[in-house]
Amino acid sequence: MPEVVAYLQENLPKYPVEELRRQLYAEGVSDIDFQDCLAAALRAPRTETKKKSASGTNPKLAQLFLVMGVLVILGVGLFALSRKTEAPADPAATASGESGFVGPSLWVVRLPQGYVGLTSFKDAAKKHEVVHFCPKGTDPTNLLNEGLYGQLGVVRLEVFPSPFPDNPTGVSSMALRVQQRLTAQGEKFATKNIQVAALPGVQFNVLSPFPRVEGYVLGKSSLYYFYAGQEDEVWRDIVLSLRDAHSEN
């Protein structure tokens, strides 16, 4: 639908994506067609951005447009993953009540219905992100007690620069280091490899003395460390929905 692509290229700088989606949906453009046309429309500005930067356009502004384009594509992709029927009236949530959460360093997860993400940092440079995914209304002081994560349905995610290379050797080294730590602590555990979209990872189900589940997903430049009280539907929904903007390019 080249006319839709052209329309989006002309109007994306002027109007929010959700407003354009609703308008085109009312005119007969399905959500799937809109997603395809949106991706095609966003590809063109990438080429134009490079040309304009060479002729004097502010490179920071060009980079901002690229980041916004990645976020839009990832957001639309997350909505499409859980949409089984027609698009819901609220573009920020799926028909099941799920919603997308965009992390500070351009990663995205899909949150179960009724869940929110609470962000903090472990360092002044804000290189080590910590996000607690929990039901709305959860007392923040309870997030300090890992022993309550299971009964509260809390999943914690830490994101920080990866010390491992982005290859199979890096995944093996990462798994070995975690195994050595758990063994040194006298813990019994089961391990398995996981694949989260394009990202490889390893999951550790700790059986005793303190049952829990830990997941390590290796991105191009970041390590994603998930922690929860048990492996359940909430855990799987959040962990397996992770998308890394840097790895999508």
Protein backbone atom coordinates (compact mmCIF):
# COMPACT_ATOMS: atom_id res chain seq x y z
CA MET A 1 0.00 0.00 0.00
CA PRO A 2 2.42 2.69 -1.19
CA GLU A 3 -0.13 5.47 -0.71
CA VAL A 4 -0.38 4.62 3.01
CA VAL A 5 3.42 4.55 3.32
CA ALA A 6 3.64 7.97 1.65
CA TYR A 7 0.90 9.34 3.91
CA LEU A 8 2.73 8.10 7.01
CA GLN A 9 6.06 9.52 5.85
CA GLU A 10 4.42 12.92 5.45
CA ASN A 11 2.44 12.94 8.71
CA LEU A 12 4.58 11.02 11.25
CA PRO A 13 6.50 14.20 12.17
CA LYS A 14 3.21 16.04 12.74
CA TYR A 15 0.93 13.61 14.58
CA PRO A 16 1.22 10.80 17.19
CA VAL A 17 1.44 7.27 15.77
CA GLU A 18 -1.66 6.16 17.68
CA GLU A 19 -3.72 8.98 16.19
CA LEU A 20 -2.62 8.05 12.66
CA ARG A 21 -3.35 4.38 13.34
CA ARG A 22 -6.90 5.16 14.51
CA GLN A 23 -7.53 7.41 11.53
CA LEU A 24 -6.35 4.86 8.98
CA TYR A 25 -8.17 2.06 10.78
CA ALA A 26 -11.40 4.05 10.38
CA GLU A 27 -10.62 4.30 6.67
CA GLY A 28 -10.26 0.55 6.26
CA VAL A 29 -6.53 -0.03 6.88
CA SER A 30 -6.16 -3.12 9.07
CA ASP A 31 -3.80 -3.18 12.03
CA ILE A 32 -1.48 -5.65 10.27
CA ASP A 33 -1.32 -3.48 7.14
CA PHE A 34 -0.70 -0.41 9.28
CA GLN A 35 2.19 -2.14 11.06
CA ASP A 36 3.80 -3.13 7.73
CA CYS A 37 3.35 0.35 6.26
CA LEU A 38 4.66 1.98 9.44
CA ALA A 39 7.82 -0.12 9.30
CA ALA A 40 8.29 0.80 5.62
CA ALA A 41 7.71 4.49 6.33
CA LEU A 42 10.22 4.48 9.18
CA ARG A 43 12.91 2.91 7.04
CA ALA A 44 13.01 5.89 4.68
CA PRO A 45 13.94 8.51 7.32
CA ARG A 46 17.00 6.44 8.22
CA THR A 47 18.48 7.03 4.75
CA GLU A 48 17.45 10.67 4.75
CA THR A 49 18.94 11.18 8.20
CA LYS A 50 22.37 10.05 7.01
CA LYS A 51 22.26 12.35 4.00
CA LYS A 52 21.19 15.37 6.02
CA SER A 53 23.80 14.77 8.67
CA ALA A 54 26.48 14.91 6.00
CA SER A 55 25.16 18.27 4.79
CA GLY A 56 25.06 19.91 8.21
CA THR A 57 21.91 18.73 10.00
CA ASN A 58 22.31 18.38 13.77
CA PRO A 59 23.45 14.73 14.31
CA LYS A 60 21.87 14.61 17.79
CA LEU A 61 18.47 15.43 16.29
CA ALA A 62 18.95 12.72 13.66
CA GLN A 63 19.84 10.20 16.37
CA LEU A 64 16.72 11.16 18.31
CA PHE A 65 14.54 10.40 15.28
CA LEU A 66 16.21 6.99 14.92
CA VAL A 67 15.58 6.14 18.59
CA MET A 68 11.94 7.21 18.29
CA GLY A 69 11.57 5.01 15.22
CA VAL A 70 12.97 1.97 17.05
CA LEU A 71 10.61 2.53 19.99
CA VAL A 72 7.59 2.82 17.69
CA ILE A 73 8.47 -0.40 15.85
CA LEU A 74 9.04 -2.30 19.09
CA GLY A 75 5.84 -0.97 20.61
CA VAL A 76 3.75 -1.97 17.60
CA GLY A 77 5.42 -5.38 17.60
CA LEU A 78 4.51 -6.01 21.23
CA PHE A 79 0.89 -5.08 20.65
CA ALA A 80 0.73 -7.43 17.65
CA LEU A 81 2.14 -10.35 19.69
CA SER A 82 -0.84 -10.51 22.03
CA ARG A 83 -3.61 -9.21 19.75
CA LYS A 84 -5.73 -12.14 18.56
CA THR A 85 -8.73 -10.23 17.26
CA GLU A 86 -9.40 -6.65 16.09
CA ALA A 87 -7.38 -3.83 17.63
CA PRO A 88 -8.78 -2.67 21.01
CA ALA A 89 -10.06 0.83 21.48
CA ASP A 90 -7.14 1.75 23.77
CA PRO A 91 -3.94 1.62 21.68
CA ALA A 92 -1.75 1.44 24.81
CA ALA A 93 -3.18 -1.91 25.94
CA THR A 94 -4.06 -5.23 24.36
CA ALA A 95 -7.44 -6.91 24.48
CA SER A 96 -6.28 -8.92 27.51
CA GLY A 97 -5.26 -5.80 29.42
CA GLU A 98 -1.52 -6.28 28.86
CA SER A 99 0.70 -3.28 28.15
CA GLY A 100 4.23 -2.51 27.03
CA PHE A 101 7.02 -1.16 29.26
CA VAL A 102 9.98 0.67 27.70
CA GLY A 103 13.16 0.62 29.76
CA PRO A 104 15.58 3.56 30.09
CA SER A 105 18.18 1.95 27.77
CA LEU A 106 15.69 1.08 25.00
CA TRP A 107 14.56 -2.40 25.93
CA VAL A 108 10.90 -3.42 26.01
CA VAL A 109 8.86 -6.05 27.85
CA ARG A 110 5.15 -6.88 27.83
CA LEU A 111 3.49 -6.58 31.24
CA PRO A 112 0.62 -8.83 32.38
CA GLN A 113 -2.73 -7.23 33.11
CA GLY A 114 -2.65 -5.06 36.23
CA TYR A 115 1.14 -4.88 36.39
CA VAL A 116 3.42 -1.83 36.54
CA GLY A 117 7.18 -1.31 36.39
CA LEU A 118 9.03 0.68 39.09
CA THR A 119 12.45 1.94 37.93
CA SER A 120 15.54 2.84 39.95
CA PHE A 121 19.32 2.81 39.48
CA LYS A 122 22.14 1.27 41.51
CA ASP A 123 24.75 3.80 40.43
CA ALA A 124 25.04 7.57 39.99
CA ALA A 125 25.94 7.17 36.30
CA LYS A 126 22.65 5.29 35.74
CA LYS A 127 24.35 2.41 33.97
CA HIS A 128 22.84 -0.24 36.27
CA GLU A 129 19.05 -0.20 35.94
CA VAL A 130 16.71 -1.98 38.36
CA VAL A 131 13.03 -2.43 37.52
CA HIS A 132 10.50 -4.20 39.75
CA PHE A 133 7.49 -5.53 37.84
CA CYS A 134 4.64 -5.94 40.30
CA PRO A 135 0.85 -5.67 40.62
CA LYS A 136 -0.50 -2.14 40.92
CA GLY A 137 -0.74 -1.05 44.55
CA THR A 138 2.17 -3.19 45.79
CA ASP A 139 3.84 -1.63 48.85
CA PRO A 140 7.29 -0.51 47.58
CA THR A 141 8.90 -1.46 50.91
CA ASN A 142 8.01 -5.10 50.23
CA LEU A 143 10.20 -5.02 47.13
CA LEU A 144 13.25 -4.99 49.40
CA ASN A 145 12.37 -8.46 50.70
CA GLU A 146 13.16 -11.10 48.06
CA GLY A 147 11.44 -13.70 50.21
CA LEU A 148 8.09 -12.06 49.41
CA TYR A 149 8.51 -12.07 45.63
CA GLY A 150 6.77 -15.41 45.19
CA GLN A 151 3.57 -14.59 47.06
CA LEU A 152 3.43 -11.02 45.69
CA GLY A 153 4.10 -12.01 42.07
CA VAL A 154 7.14 -9.74 41.75
CA VAL A 155 9.71 -10.09 38.97
CA ARG A 156 12.87 -7.99 39.25
CA LEU A 157 15.00 -7.07 36.26
CA GLU A 158 18.51 -5.65 36.43
CA VAL A 159 20.16 -4.29 33.27
CA PHE A 160 23.84 -3.37 33.16
CA PRO A 161 26.79 -3.38 30.72
CA SER A 162 27.65 -6.98 29.86
CA PRO A 163 31.09 -8.30 30.84
CA PHE A 164 30.65 -11.15 28.34
CA PRO A 165 31.07 -11.12 24.54
CA ASP A 166 27.98 -11.40 22.34
CA ASN A 167 28.64 -14.95 21.14
CA PRO A 168 28.23 -18.60 22.26
CA THR A 169 31.48 -18.40 24.24
CA GLY A 170 30.07 -15.45 26.17
CA VAL A 171 26.90 -17.39 27.04
CA SER A 172 28.94 -20.37 28.25
CA SER A 173 31.19 -18.15 30.37
CA MET A 174 28.15 -16.41 31.84
CA ALA A 175 26.48 -19.73 32.74
CA LEU A 176 29.69 -21.10 34.28
CA ARG A 177 30.14 -18.06 36.49
CA VAL A 178 26.57 -18.33 37.85
CA GLN A 179 26.95 -22.08 38.41
CA GLN A 180 30.15 -21.51 40.38
CA ARG A 181 28.45 -18.89 42.57
CA LEU A 182 25.43 -21.06 43.34
CA THR A 183 27.62 -24.10 44.04
CA ALA A 184 29.84 -22.10 46.37
CA GLN A 185 26.73 -21.02 48.28
CA GLY A 186 25.75 -24.67 48.74
CA GLU A 187 22.56 -24.36 46.70
CA LYS A 188 20.89 -27.06 44.63
CA PHE A 189 19.63 -25.97 41.23
CA ALA A 190 18.57 -27.02 37.75
CA THR A 191 19.68 -25.14 34.66
CA LYS A 192 18.46 -24.82 31.08
CA ASN A 193 19.24 -22.71 28.03
CA ILE A 194 16.60 -20.20 26.95
CA GLN A 195 16.12 -18.15 23.81
CA VAL A 196 14.37 -14.79 24.05
CA ALA A 197 13.70 -13.64 20.48
CA ALA A 198 17.22 -13.10 19.06
CA LEU A 199 18.88 -13.15 22.47
CA PRO A 200 20.40 -16.29 24.08
CA GLY A 201 20.27 -16.91 27.78
CA VAL A 202 20.41 -19.34 30.68
CA GLN A 203 17.83 -19.98 33.39
CA PHE A 204 18.56 -21.34 36.88
CA ASN A 205 15.77 -22.82 38.97
CA VAL A 206 17.15 -22.87 42.51
CA LEU A 207 15.59 -25.73 44.46
CA SER A 208 17.08 -25.23 47.95
CA PRO A 209 17.67 -23.87 50.48
CA PHE A 210 15.97 -20.71 49.13
CA PRO A 211 13.75 -21.62 46.13
CA ARG A 212 13.68 -19.02 43.35
CA VAL A 213 14.35 -18.60 39.64
CA GLU A 214 17.08 -16.54 38.02
CA GLY A 215 17.38 -15.79 34.31
CA TYR A 216 20.35 -14.31 32.47
CA VAL A 217 19.82 -13.00 28.92
CA LEU A 218 22.78 -11.74 26.91
CA GLY A 219 22.26 -8.74 24.65
CA LYS A 220 24.73 -7.04 22.32
CA SER A 221 25.96 -4.68 25.00
CA SER A 222 23.77 -5.37 28.05
CA LEU A 223 23.21 -8.25 30.41
CA TYR A 224 19.59 -8.78 31.51
CA TYR A 225 19.25 -10.44 34.93
CA PHE A 226 15.73 -11.55 35.95
CA TYR A 227 14.86 -12.70 39.47
CA ALA A 228 11.56 -14.06 40.85
CA GLY A 229 10.17 -16.38 43.50
CA GLN A 230 9.16 -19.09 41.05
CA GLU A 231 8.82 -19.89 37.36
CA ASP A 232 5.16 -19.24 36.58
CA GLU A 233 3.02 -17.63 33.90
CA VAL A 234 3.93 -14.10 35.01
CA TRP A 235 7.64 -14.95 34.85
CA ARG A 236 7.33 -16.46 31.37
CA ASP A 237 5.18 -13.59 30.06
CA ILE A 238 7.69 -10.96 31.15
CA VAL A 239 10.98 -12.72 30.44
CA LEU A 240 10.06 -14.15 27.04
CA SER A 241 8.64 -10.81 25.84
CA LEU A 242 11.97 -8.98 26.27
CA ARG A 243 13.13 -7.10 23.17
CA ASP A 244 16.47 -5.27 22.95
CA ALA A 245 16.43 -2.29 20.56
CA HIS A 246 20.19 -2.59 19.99
CA SER A 247 19.85 -6.24 18.95
CA GLU A 248 16.90 -5.55 16.63
CA ASN A 249 19.00 -3.35 14.30
